[in-house]
């Protein structure tokens, strides 16, 4: 192979790998945008026992195409006390199984599927006014592009099968399983997707470019790399969330290393997993994760009790808001520098308010005075931040501001005001309602608590989207945020009707907690509306906002 051919081969492989990574992400994004609320509610409810949690994790990973995405979701629930370590680890083990099943499904080769999926996906995405249908179109396009990328890999690697250099590389990888393991782990970590990594390795194996033993080591390494990625993405989470992710890392990573040793001792004999090498590798991936889940399931109680001792809660007296301010007075005569400083402080307000919201719901289940005090103190910090931002923006030389800069300053002031409103609603209303529930010795009915938890989770998801919009200014995400506001309004009405139905059925717990229940729903809707204002100026600039409503006609871009 001459230099030109080598460069063309590298470009084709890199392009195919990039398309594969992006297509997997496109598919996952469609699922998240269409069904994230339902998935979050399903996961939170499906932890009654370890078997149910294992199954729910597998189903969630099948939908999200990613065990890592499930790990991040579950860590959020653990932060609020909604999922314990035992159920959390079971869900993560199930997610690993679901991720392996995804790889099996996406390796199906049918020539007619690509044009059919592309045609259906594009039609649904461009012609439908409903967000769920448009996201279904996005998912179909993502699946089609995964198939296209795998075909590109096959086409690019075909000429290399008879190359002496290829034979040399294959011989080395077959003999050095540890290096192959590390390559697999680094690749999965680098592309942020064990699914994409496994599909890539299996496709190369099918083309005869990877020896079965080396490919098996790479797939095992991809499993370890996926667990490491989830751990790194949750490093900033509270210890309650990190324990379950660390347990999954030890089990999945340690299990992969153990199977690698067994593989080396058995001279890489994988004939029992299938006839052809590619089938052997993809089946190894599935058998490994199913086996890991089944072996570990009986011991999860011991693991859950051991994790707090191995990872105890540390002393954390630092206040994340007690940092040096980004409001630099020396930039006041340079609006291009001053406005980004103010934006950073507004983002800090949003993050603090989101943290308050995340912690507040646990107080309704079990009143905790220190947690309530921390929420109230954080609310005071948010108010101080708002005052500082307001004073900073007022000190700008408004006579020399351009029209765009004046609009930006006004937007930041409005967002800061609304974020303080949300923080006050959490500290003055939610905390007070939880305290009253505890003082009166009351509990919500099972259905009532389920409705409130689902609604809170929906609002929390929207606040996270709002902070993303605040950071990126993405018009598509802003449109999604404003559509979510309308869905929250309808959901709140439906939940109020469900509460009235429980009153008509004379459920005592619903009668006793009726006022608190309805006030909590209204407070959460108010908090959501405050965060949703972040998307309004962005949607207005992109032509999506007519008066106070989104235009009915969807944009045809991304």
Protein backbone atom coordinates (compact mmCIF):
# COMPACT_ATOMS: atom_id res chain seq x y z
CA UNK A 1 0.00 0.00 0.00
CA UNK A 2 1.52 3.34 -1.08
CA UNK A 3 1.36 6.55 0.95
CA UNK A 4 -1.64 7.91 -0.94
CA UNK A 5 -3.63 4.72 -0.41
CA UNK A 6 -2.69 4.69 3.26
CA UNK A 7 -3.92 8.28 3.71
CA UNK A 8 -7.18 7.49 1.89
CA UNK A 9 -7.69 4.40 4.06
CA UNK A 10 -7.09 6.39 7.24
CA UNK A 11 -9.55 9.07 6.09
CA UNK A 12 -12.23 6.50 5.26
CA UNK A 13 -11.85 4.70 8.58
CA UNK A 14 -11.79 7.97 10.55
CA UNK A 15 -14.84 9.25 8.68
CA UNK A 16 -16.74 6.00 9.19
CA UNK A 17 -15.88 5.94 12.91
CA UNK A 18 -16.94 9.58 13.27
CA UNK A 19 -20.26 8.86 11.54
CA UNK A 20 -20.82 5.83 13.78
CA UNK A 21 -20.20 7.87 16.95
CA UNK A 22 -22.44 10.70 15.76
CA UNK A 23 -25.22 8.34 14.64
CA UNK A 24 -25.31 6.61 18.04
CA UNK A 25 -25.52 10.04 19.66
CA UNK A 26 -28.26 11.12 17.25
CA UNK A 27 -30.32 8.06 18.13
CA UNK A 28 -29.87 8.62 21.87
CA UNK A 29 -30.72 12.32 21.55
CA UNK A 30 -34.00 11.47 19.83
CA UNK A 31 -34.98 9.11 22.63
CA UNK A 32 -34.02 11.63 25.33
CA UNK A 33 -35.95 14.49 23.72
CA UNK A 34 -39.08 12.43 23.15
CA UNK A 35 -39.27 10.15 26.16
CA UNK A 36 -36.83 11.36 28.82
CA UNK A 37 -39.58 12.19 31.33
CA UNK A 38 -41.23 8.78 30.93
CA UNK A 39 -37.88 7.00 31.18
CA UNK A 40 -36.88 8.86 34.32
CA UNK A 41 -40.23 8.06 35.96
CA UNK A 42 -39.97 4.40 34.91
CA UNK A 43 -36.46 4.04 36.33
CA UNK A 44 -37.33 5.72 39.60
CA UNK A 45 -40.33 3.45 40.15
CA UNK A 46 -38.67 0.21 39.08
CA UNK A 47 -36.46 -0.37 42.10
CA UNK A 48 -38.77 -2.32 44.39
CA UNK A 49 -36.43 -5.35 44.26
CA UNK A 50 -33.10 -6.18 42.66
CA UNK A 51 -34.55 -8.33 39.85
CA UNK A 52 -36.99 -5.62 38.82
CA UNK A 53 -34.19 -3.04 39.00
CA UNK A 54 -31.97 -5.22 36.80
CA UNK A 55 -34.72 -5.51 34.18
CA UNK A 56 -35.55 -1.80 34.26
CA UNK A 57 -31.89 -0.91 33.75
CA UNK A 58 -31.71 -3.19 30.72
CA UNK A 59 -34.85 -1.67 29.20
CA UNK A 60 -33.64 1.88 29.86
CA UNK A 61 -30.30 1.19 28.18
CA UNK A 62 -32.12 -0.35 25.21
CA UNK A 63 -34.04 2.89 24.83
CA UNK A 64 -31.13 5.27 25.46
CA UNK A 65 -28.54 3.18 23.58
CA UNK A 66 -26.14 3.84 26.44
CA UNK A 67 -25.39 2.36 29.84
CA UNK A 68 -23.50 5.56 30.67
CA UNK A 69 -26.63 7.69 30.17
CA UNK A 70 -28.52 5.38 32.53
CA UNK A 71 -25.72 5.72 35.11
CA UNK A 72 -25.98 9.51 35.02
CA UNK A 73 -29.79 9.35 35.42
CA UNK A 74 -29.59 6.93 38.33
CA UNK A 75 -26.92 9.03 40.05
CA UNK A 76 -29.37 11.96 39.94
CA UNK A 77 -32.03 9.84 41.65
CA UNK A 78 -29.54 8.69 44.28
CA UNK A 79 -28.64 12.30 45.05
CA UNK A 80 -32.26 12.93 46.00
CA UNK A 81 -32.56 9.70 47.96
CA UNK A 82 -34.86 8.11 45.38
CA UNK A 83 -32.59 5.10 44.71
CA UNK A 84 -30.43 3.20 47.20
CA UNK A 85 -27.06 1.64 46.49
CA UNK A 86 -28.47 -1.88 46.13
CA UNK A 87 -31.15 -0.93 43.59
CA UNK A 88 -28.78 1.49 41.88
CA UNK A 89 -26.09 -1.13 41.27
CA UNK A 90 -28.76 -3.58 40.03
CA UNK A 91 -30.01 -0.95 37.57
CA UNK A 92 -26.47 -0.29 36.32
CA UNK A 93 -25.79 -4.00 35.86
CA UNK A 94 -29.04 -4.23 33.91
CA UNK A 95 -28.01 -1.23 31.84
CA UNK A 96 -24.81 -3.04 30.88
CA UNK A 97 -26.95 -5.95 29.64
CA UNK A 98 -29.20 -3.57 27.71
CA UNK A 99 -26.19 -1.92 26.11
CA UNK A 100 -24.96 -5.35 24.96
CA UNK A 101 -28.38 -6.12 23.49
CA UNK A 102 -28.26 -2.83 21.58
CA UNK A 103 -25.01 -3.93 19.95
CA UNK A 104 -26.63 -7.21 18.90
CA UNK A 105 -29.60 -5.42 17.34
CA UNK A 106 -27.54 -2.84 15.48
CA UNK A 107 -25.41 -5.49 13.77
CA UNK A 108 -28.41 -6.73 11.79
CA UNK A 109 -27.67 -6.37 8.03
CA UNK A 110 -30.61 -5.90 5.68
CA UNK A 111 -29.95 -3.87 2.53
CA UNK A 112 -33.51 -2.52 2.30
CA UNK A 113 -33.40 -1.10 5.85
CA UNK A 114 -31.12 1.85 5.11
CA UNK A 115 -33.23 3.59 2.45
CA UNK A 116 -36.44 2.68 4.27
CA UNK A 117 -35.25 4.10 7.58
CA UNK A 118 -33.82 7.24 5.96
CA UNK A 119 -37.00 7.90 3.98
CA UNK A 120 -39.30 7.33 6.94
CA UNK A 121 -37.08 9.29 9.32
CA UNK A 122 -36.74 12.35 7.10
CA UNK A 123 -40.49 12.45 6.34
CA UNK A 124 -41.41 12.20 10.02
CA UNK A 125 -38.84 14.77 11.09
CA UNK A 126 -39.67 17.39 8.46
CA UNK A 127 -43.44 16.97 8.15
CA UNK A 128 -44.69 16.37 11.67
CA UNK A 129 -45.64 19.18 14.04
CA UNK A 130 -45.53 16.91 17.13
CA UNK A 131 -42.20 16.78 18.91
CA UNK A 132 -42.49 13.06 19.74
CA UNK A 133 -43.07 12.14 16.09
CA UNK A 134 -40.19 14.36 14.94
CA UNK A 135 -37.88 12.71 17.46
CA UNK A 136 -39.02 9.29 16.23
CA UNK A 137 -37.85 10.45 12.80
CA UNK A 138 -34.53 11.48 14.34
CA UNK A 139 -34.17 7.99 15.84
CA UNK A 140 -34.86 6.28 12.51
CA UNK A 141 -32.26 8.47 10.80
CA UNK A 142 -29.77 7.61 13.56
CA UNK A 143 -30.28 3.87 13.09
CA UNK A 144 -29.91 4.22 9.30
CA UNK A 145 -26.67 6.17 9.69
CA UNK A 146 -25.29 3.51 12.04
CA UNK A 147 -25.85 0.96 9.27
CA UNK A 148 -24.25 3.33 6.72
CA UNK A 149 -21.18 3.83 8.91
CA UNK A 150 -20.72 0.07 9.37
CA UNK A 151 -20.96 -0.41 5.59
CA UNK A 152 -18.33 2.31 5.15
CA UNK A 153 -16.01 0.44 7.53
CA UNK A 154 -16.53 -2.79 5.59
CA UNK A 155 -15.85 -1.07 2.25
CA UNK A 156 -12.73 0.70 3.52
CA UNK A 157 -11.18 -2.38 5.12
CA UNK A 158 -11.96 -4.86 2.33
CA UNK A 159 -8.71 -4.31 0.34
CA UNK A 160 -6.56 -4.81 3.46
CA UNK A 161 -7.52 -8.41 4.13
CA UNK A 162 -4.69 -9.85 2.01
CA UNK A 163 -2.10 -7.29 3.11
CA UNK A 164 1.10 -8.67 4.79
CA UNK A 165 1.09 -5.65 7.13
CA UNK A 166 -2.41 -6.57 8.25
CA UNK A 167 -1.31 -10.09 9.03
CA UNK A 168 1.57 -8.73 11.10
CA UNK A 169 -0.71 -6.47 13.15
CA UNK A 170 -3.21 -9.27 13.66
CA UNK A 171 -0.47 -11.54 14.92
CA UNK A 172 0.71 -8.96 17.42
CA UNK A 173 -2.79 -8.24 18.78
CA UNK A 174 -3.52 -11.95 19.07
CA UNK A 175 -0.38 -12.39 21.15
CA UNK A 176 -0.67 -9.30 23.37
CA UNK A 177 -4.13 -9.37 24.93
CA UNK A 178 -3.28 -6.78 27.57
CA UNK A 179 -2.46 -4.18 24.91
CA UNK A 180 -5.66 -5.07 23.06
CA UNK A 181 -7.60 -4.69 26.33
CA UNK A 182 -6.12 -1.24 26.93
CA UNK A 183 -6.81 -0.16 23.34
CA UNK A 184 -10.46 -1.19 23.75
CA UNK A 185 -10.82 0.69 27.02
CA UNK A 186 -9.17 3.86 25.72
CA UNK A 187 -11.24 3.80 22.54
CA UNK A 188 -14.54 3.41 24.42
CA UNK A 189 -13.54 6.19 26.81
CA UNK A 190 -12.40 8.43 23.96
CA UNK A 191 -15.58 8.09 21.89
CA UNK A 192 -17.80 8.21 25.02
CA UNK A 193 -19.71 5.13 23.85
CA UNK A 194 -19.04 1.47 24.52
CA UNK A 195 -21.77 0.62 21.98
CA UNK A 196 -19.91 2.45 19.19
CA UNK A 197 -16.62 0.87 20.27
CA UNK A 198 -18.02 -2.67 20.27
CA UNK A 199 -19.70 -2.20 16.88
CA UNK A 200 -16.41 -0.89 15.46
CA UNK A 201 -14.36 -3.81 16.78
CA UNK A 202 -16.87 -6.45 15.70
CA UNK A 203 -17.08 -5.00 12.19
CA UNK A 204 -13.28 -5.06 11.85
CA UNK A 205 -13.33 -8.66 13.06
CA UNK A 206 -15.94 -9.60 10.46
CA UNK A 207 -13.65 -8.12 7.80
CA UNK A 208 -10.76 -10.26 9.01
CA UNK A 209 -8.71 -7.28 10.24
CA UNK A 210 -8.83 -8.22 13.93
CA UNK A 211 -8.03 -11.68 15.29
CA UNK A 212 -10.82 -13.13 17.46
CA UNK A 213 -8.67 -13.21 20.61
CA UNK A 214 -7.50 -9.62 20.15
CA UNK A 215 -11.04 -8.44 19.35
CA UNK A 216 -12.36 -10.24 22.43
CA UNK A 217 -9.78 -8.44 24.59
CA UNK A 218 -10.77 -5.10 22.99
CA UNK A 219 -14.47 -5.72 23.68
CA UNK A 220 -13.68 -6.58 27.30
CA UNK A 221 -11.60 -3.42 27.48
CA UNK A 222 -14.54 -1.44 26.04
CA UNK A 223 -16.70 -2.74 28.89
CA UNK A 224 -14.15 -1.50 31.43
CA UNK A 225 -13.80 1.79 29.53
CA UNK A 226 -17.56 2.35 29.60
CA UNK A 227 -17.64 1.85 33.38
CA UNK A 228 -14.70 4.27 33.82
CA UNK A 229 -16.51 6.86 31.70
CA UNK A 230 -19.61 6.69 33.92
CA UNK A 231 -17.42 7.08 37.00
CA UNK A 232 -15.66 10.14 35.59
CA UNK A 233 -18.95 11.79 34.58
CA UNK A 234 -20.26 11.48 38.15
CA UNK A 235 -17.10 12.60 39.98
CA UNK A 236 -18.83 15.82 41.01
CA UNK A 237 -21.92 14.01 42.35
CA UNK A 238 -22.52 13.47 46.07
CA UNK A 239 -21.05 10.37 47.67
CA UNK A 240 -24.42 8.56 47.73
CA UNK A 241 -24.45 8.62 43.92
CA UNK A 242 -20.76 7.84 43.43
CA UNK A 243 -20.92 4.68 45.55
CA UNK A 244 -23.16 2.82 43.12
CA UNK A 245 -21.15 3.97 40.09
CA UNK A 246 -17.92 2.90 41.79
CA UNK A 247 -19.44 -0.48 42.64
CA UNK A 248 -20.40 -0.94 39.00
CA UNK A 249 -16.88 0.07 37.94
CA UNK A 250 -15.29 -2.51 40.27
CA UNK A 251 -17.69 -5.26 39.20
CA UNK A 252 -17.64 -4.56 35.45
CA UNK A 253 -13.99 -3.58 35.21
CA UNK A 254 -12.84 -6.36 37.54
CA UNK A 255 -15.05 -8.87 35.77
CA UNK A 256 -13.63 -7.85 32.39
CA UNK A 257 -10.07 -8.23 33.69
CA UNK A 258 -10.90 -11.66 35.16
CA UNK A 259 -12.41 -12.88 31.88
CA UNK A 260 -9.32 -11.56 30.08
CA UNK A 261 -7.12 -13.76 32.28
CA UNK A 262 -9.37 -16.78 31.60
CA UNK A 263 -9.22 -15.98 27.88
CA UNK A 264 -5.44 -15.91 27.95
CA UNK A 265 -5.27 -19.23 29.86
CA UNK A 266 -7.63 -20.92 27.39
CA UNK A 267 -5.64 -19.76 24.35
CA UNK A 268 -8.53 -17.60 23.17
CA UNK A 269 -10.87 -20.51 22.39
CA UNK A 270 -14.25 -18.90 21.61
CA UNK A 271 -15.74 -21.59 19.37
CA UNK A 272 -18.56 -22.25 21.84
CA UNK A 273 -19.88 -18.70 21.25
CA UNK A 274 -20.56 -19.06 17.54
CA UNK A 275 -19.33 -20.22 14.18
CA UNK A 276 -17.81 -17.09 12.66
CA UNK A 277 -15.39 -14.78 14.57
CA UNK A 278 -17.65 -11.70 14.50
CA UNK A 279 -20.54 -13.66 16.02
CA UNK A 280 -18.22 -15.03 18.69
CA UNK A 281 -17.12 -11.52 19.72
CA UNK A 282 -20.58 -9.95 19.84
CA UNK A 283 -21.91 -12.98 21.76
CA UNK A 284 -19.01 -12.73 24.22
CA UNK A 285 -20.04 -9.14 24.90
CA UNK A 286 -23.61 -10.21 25.66
CA UNK A 287 -22.72 -13.35 27.64
CA UNK A 288 -20.20 -11.42 29.74
CA UNK A 289 -22.72 -8.78 30.80
CA UNK A 290 -25.57 -11.24 31.41
CA UNK A 291 -23.24 -13.49 33.38
CA UNK A 292 -21.92 -10.57 35.41
CA UNK A 293 -25.45 -9.48 36.29
CA UNK A 294 -26.60 -12.95 37.32
CA UNK A 295 -23.46 -13.71 39.34
CA UNK A 296 -23.49 -10.39 41.21
CA UNK A 297 -27.24 -10.17 41.84
CA UNK A 298 -27.30 -12.41 44.96
CA UNK A 299 -24.43 -10.46 46.55
CA UNK A 300 -25.79 -6.95 46.02
CA UNK A 301 -27.01 -6.71 49.63
CA UNK A 302 -23.47 -7.30 50.89
CA UNK A 303 -22.05 -4.88 48.32
CA UNK A 304 -24.59 -2.20 49.29
CA UNK A 305 -23.68 -2.51 52.98
CA UNK A 306 -19.95 -2.49 52.25
CA UNK A 307 -19.86 0.60 50.02
CA UNK A 308 -20.54 3.19 52.80
CA UNK A 309 -17.62 1.74 54.77
CA UNK A 310 -15.34 1.74 51.73
CA UNK A 311 -16.46 5.21 50.61
CA UNK A 312 -17.55 7.07 53.76
CA UNK A 313 -19.08 10.53 53.66
CA UNK A 314 -16.34 13.11 53.95
CA UNK A 315 -16.53 16.38 55.76
CA UNK A 316 -17.64 19.02 53.30
CA UNK A 317 -17.99 22.42 54.83
CA UNK A 318 -17.15 24.34 51.71
CA UNK A 319 -19.91 26.46 50.26
CA UNK A 320 -19.79 26.29 46.45
CA UNK A 321 -21.20 29.80 46.29
CA UNK A 322 -18.49 31.18 48.52
CA UNK A 323 -16.15 31.60 45.60
CA UNK A 324 -14.57 34.68 44.19
CA UNK A 325 -17.05 36.57 42.11
CA UNK A 326 -16.74 36.75 38.33
CA UNK A 327 -18.08 40.32 38.45
CA UNK A 328 -14.89 42.22 37.71
CA UNK A 329 -15.38 46.01 38.18
CA UNK A 330 -12.45 46.71 35.87
CA UNK A 331 -14.52 45.45 32.92
CA UNK A 332 -17.41 47.88 33.40
CA UNK A 333 -16.08 50.19 30.68
CA UNK A 334 -15.77 47.22 28.29
CA UNK A 335 -19.22 45.66 27.84
CA UNK A 336 -17.83 42.86 25.67
CA UNK A 337 -15.93 41.67 28.76
CA UNK A 338 -18.44 42.69 31.43
CA UNK A 339 -21.49 40.89 30.05
CA UNK A 340 -19.79 37.45 29.97
CA UNK A 341 -18.76 38.05 33.60
CA UNK A 342 -22.38 38.69 34.52
CA UNK A 343 -23.48 35.62 32.55
CA UNK A 344 -21.13 33.44 34.58
CA UNK A 345 -22.69 34.66 37.81
CA UNK A 346 -26.19 34.09 36.44
CA UNK A 347 -25.19 30.53 35.60
CA UNK A 348 -23.91 30.15 39.16
CA UNK A 349 -27.35 31.27 40.39
CA UNK A 350 -29.02 28.68 38.18
CA UNK A 351 -26.77 25.86 39.34
CA UNK A 352 -27.38 26.75 42.99
CA UNK A 353 -31.14 26.87 42.46
CA UNK A 354 -31.08 23.53 40.64
CA UNK A 355 -29.17 22.02 43.58
CA UNK A 356 -31.81 23.35 45.98
CA UNK A 357 -34.59 21.83 43.88
CA UNK A 358 -32.78 18.50 43.67
CA UNK A 359 -32.51 18.25 47.46
CA UNK A 360 -35.95 19.57 48.40
CA UNK A 361 -38.18 16.62 47.53
CA UNK A 362 -36.49 14.24 49.97
CA UNK A 363 -37.77 16.46 52.81
CA UNK A 364 -41.35 15.36 52.08
CA UNK A 365 -40.41 11.73 52.72
CA UNK A 366 -38.19 12.32 55.72
CA UNK A 367 -37.86 15.75 57.29
CA UNK A 368 -34.24 16.71 57.90
CA UNK A 369 -33.60 20.03 59.61
CA UNK A 370 -29.93 20.37 58.51
CA UNK A 371 -30.93 19.84 54.86
CA UNK A 372 -33.71 22.41 55.17
CA UNK A 373 -31.27 24.86 56.76
CA UNK A 374 -28.76 24.30 53.96
CA UNK A 375 -31.45 24.97 51.34
CA UNK A 376 -32.49 28.19 53.06
CA UNK A 377 -28.88 29.35 53.33
CA UNK A 378 -28.33 28.63 49.66
CA UNK A 379 -31.43 30.66 48.87
CA UNK A 380 -29.91 33.60 50.72
CA UNK A 381 -26.73 33.16 48.70
CA UNK A 382 -28.76 33.21 45.49
CA UNK A 383 -30.41 36.45 46.61
CA UNK A 384 -27.00 37.99 47.29
CA UNK A 385 -25.80 36.91 43.87
CA UNK A 386 -28.86 38.52 42.28
CA UNK A 387 -28.22 41.76 44.11
CA UNK A 388 -24.58 41.77 43.00
CA UNK A 389 -25.50 41.05 39.38
CA UNK A 390 -28.18 43.73 39.38
CA UNK A 391 -25.75 46.29 40.77
CA UNK A 392 -23.05 45.27 38.29
CA UNK A 393 -25.37 45.57 35.28
CA UNK A 394 -26.66 48.92 36.52
CA UNK A 395 -23.09 50.23 36.75
CA UNK A 396 -22.46 49.60 33.04
CA UNK A 397 -22.11 52.65 30.85
CA UNK A 398 -25.46 52.21 29.12
CA UNK A 399 -24.96 55.22 26.85
CA UNK A 400 -22.12 53.42 25.10
CA UNK A 401 -23.81 50.03 24.87
CA UNK A 402 -24.81 48.78 21.45
CA UNK A 403 -28.39 47.66 20.91
CA UNK A 404 -27.32 44.02 21.09
CA UNK A 405 -25.43 44.62 24.34
CA UNK A 406 -28.40 46.44 25.85
CA UNK A 407 -30.64 43.49 24.99
CA UNK A 408 -28.14 41.06 26.50
CA UNK A 409 -27.89 43.08 29.72
CA UNK A 410 -31.67 43.21 29.97
CA UNK A 411 -31.94 39.45 29.36
CA UNK A 412 -29.39 38.67 32.08
CA UNK A 413 -31.18 40.93 34.56
CA UNK A 414 -34.52 39.25 33.76
CA UNK A 415 -33.09 35.73 34.05
CA UNK A 416 -31.39 36.57 37.36
CA UNK A 417 -34.70 37.91 38.72
CA UNK A 418 -36.56 34.76 37.68
CA UNK A 419 -33.90 32.47 39.14
CA UNK A 420 -34.17 34.26 42.48
CA UNK A 421 -37.94 33.83 42.25
CA UNK A 422 -37.44 30.08 41.75
CA UNK A 423 -34.98 29.88 44.68
CA UNK A 424 -37.42 31.73 46.94
CA UNK A 425 -40.23 29.41 45.88
CA UNK A 426 -38.11 26.42 46.90
CA UNK A 427 -37.01 27.80 50.28
CA UNK A 428 -40.21 29.63 51.25
CA UNK A 429 -42.77 27.23 49.79
CA UNK A 430 -41.43 23.71 49.21
CA UNK A 431 -39.40 23.58 52.42
CA UNK A 432 -42.27 25.10 54.39
CA UNK A 433 -44.74 22.61 52.92
CA UNK A 434 -42.46 19.70 53.79
CA UNK A 435 -42.03 21.02 57.33
CA UNK A 436 -45.80 21.35 57.75
CA UNK A 437 -46.30 17.80 56.51
CA UNK A 438 -43.82 16.56 59.12
CA UNK A 439 -45.21 18.74 61.92
CA UNK A 440 -48.74 17.46 61.29
CA UNK A 441 -47.53 13.85 61.17
CA UNK A 442 -49.04 13.35 57.71
CA UNK A 443 -48.06 11.31 54.68
CA UNK A 444 -49.19 11.55 51.08
CA UNK A 445 -51.14 8.66 49.63
CA UNK A 446 -49.07 6.28 47.53
CA UNK A 447 -50.59 7.59 44.30
CA UNK A 448 -50.26 11.18 45.46
CA UNK A 449 -46.59 10.78 46.31
CA UNK A 450 -45.95 9.04 43.00
CA UNK A 451 -47.57 11.94 41.14
CA UNK A 452 -45.54 14.54 43.04
CA UNK A 453 -42.29 12.64 42.54
CA UNK A 454 -42.91 12.28 38.81
CA UNK A 455 -43.77 15.97 38.49
CA UNK A 456 -40.70 17.01 40.48
CA UNK A 457 -38.53 14.83 38.28
CA UNK A 458 -40.02 16.43 35.15
CA UNK A 459 -39.29 19.91 36.53
CA UNK A 460 -35.74 18.93 37.49
CA UNK A 461 -35.13 17.64 33.98
CA UNK A 462 -36.36 20.96 32.58
CA UNK A 463 -34.09 22.98 34.90
CA UNK A 464 -31.10 21.01 33.65
CA UNK A 465 -32.17 21.72 30.06
CA UNK A 466 -32.57 25.40 30.93
CA UNK A 467 -29.03 25.59 32.30
CA UNK A 468 -27.77 23.96 29.12
CA UNK A 469 -29.62 26.61 27.08
CA UNK A 470 -28.12 29.33 29.27
CA UNK A 471 -24.61 28.01 28.57
CA UNK A 472 -24.96 27.26 24.85
CA UNK A 473 -27.70 29.57 23.60
CA UNK A 474 -28.79 26.78 21.23
CA UNK A 475 -32.08 27.67 19.46
CA UNK A 476 -33.16 24.02 19.15
CA UNK A 477 -32.73 23.43 22.89
CA UNK A 478 -34.54 26.72 23.61
CA UNK A 479 -37.50 25.54 21.53
CA UNK A 480 -37.48 22.25 23.40
CA UNK A 481 -37.46 24.12 26.73
CA UNK A 482 -40.48 26.23 25.83
CA UNK A 483 -42.39 23.24 24.55
CA UNK A 484 -41.60 21.53 27.86
CA UNK A 485 -43.17 24.48 29.69
CA UNK A 486 -46.44 23.92 27.88
CA UNK A 487 -46.28 20.20 28.69
CA UNK A 488 -45.74 21.03 32.37
CA UNK A 489 -48.85 23.23 32.37
CA UNK A 490 -50.93 20.37 30.95
CA UNK A 491 -49.33 17.83 33.28
CA UNK A 492 -50.10 19.99 36.32
CA UNK A 493 -53.75 20.23 35.28
CA UNK A 494 -53.93 16.46 34.84
CA UNK A 495 -52.33 15.83 38.24
CA UNK A 496 -54.76 18.23 39.93
CA UNK A 497 -57.61 16.27 38.34
CA UNK A 498 -56.10 12.99 39.57
CA UNK A 499 -55.92 14.46 43.07
CA UNK A 500 -59.58 15.50 42.94
CA UNK A 501 -60.47 11.99 41.81
CA UNK A 502 -58.74 10.57 44.89
CA UNK A 503 -60.76 12.98 47.04
CA UNK A 504 -63.96 11.75 45.38
CA UNK A 505 -62.88 8.19 46.24
CA UNK A 506 -62.59 9.23 49.92
CA UNK A 507 -58.93 8.32 50.32
CA UNK A 508 -58.08 9.62 53.84
CA UNK A 509 -54.43 10.46 53.14
CA UNK A 510 -55.44 12.56 50.14
CA UNK A 511 -57.95 14.52 52.25
CA UNK A 512 -55.42 15.17 55.01
CA UNK A 513 -52.69 16.37 52.65
CA UNK A 514 -54.86 18.02 49.99
CA UNK A 515 -53.75 21.60 50.61
CA UNK A 516 -50.04 20.71 50.76
CA UNK A 517 -50.33 18.48 47.70
CA UNK A 518 -51.96 21.14 45.53
CA UNK A 519 -49.64 23.89 46.76
CA UNK A 520 -46.61 21.73 45.98
CA UNK A 521 -47.81 21.16 42.42
CA UNK A 522 -48.35 24.88 41.90
CA UNK A 523 -44.97 25.73 43.39
CA UNK A 524 -43.18 23.29 41.12
CA UNK A 525 -45.01 24.74 38.10
CA UNK A 526 -43.88 28.23 39.17
CA UNK A 527 -40.27 27.06 39.42
CA UNK A 528 -40.47 25.52 35.96
CA UNK A 529 -41.89 28.74 34.50
CA UNK A 530 -39.03 30.74 36.03
CA UNK A 531 -36.41 28.52 34.39
CA UNK A 532 -38.30 28.42 31.09
CA UNK A 533 -37.83 32.18 30.66
CA UNK A 534 -34.19 31.44 29.84
CA UNK A 535 -35.28 30.11 26.45
CA UNK A 536 -37.63 32.94 25.50
CA UNK A 537 -35.16 35.54 24.14
CA UNK A 538 -33.27 32.86 22.20
CA UNK A 539 -36.47 31.51 20.66
CA UNK A 540 -37.60 35.05 19.87
CA UNK A 541 -34.38 35.82 17.99
CA UNK A 542 -34.71 32.63 15.95
CA UNK A 543 -38.29 33.47 15.01
CA UNK A 544 -39.88 30.69 17.06
CA UNK A 545 -41.73 32.86 19.54
CA UNK A 546 -44.92 34.57 18.53
CA UNK A 547 -46.08 36.78 21.37
CA UNK A 548 -45.89 34.35 24.32
CA UNK A 549 -46.32 31.08 22.43
CA UNK A 550 -44.11 28.98 20.21
CA UNK A 551 -45.07 29.17 16.59
CA UNK A 552 -47.00 26.11 15.56
CA UNK A 553 -44.76 25.32 12.60
CA UNK A 554 -41.59 23.51 13.66
CA UNK A 555 -38.19 24.43 12.36
CA UNK A 556 -36.78 21.94 9.89
CA UNK A 557 -33.19 22.22 11.09
CA UNK A 558 -31.38 19.84 13.57
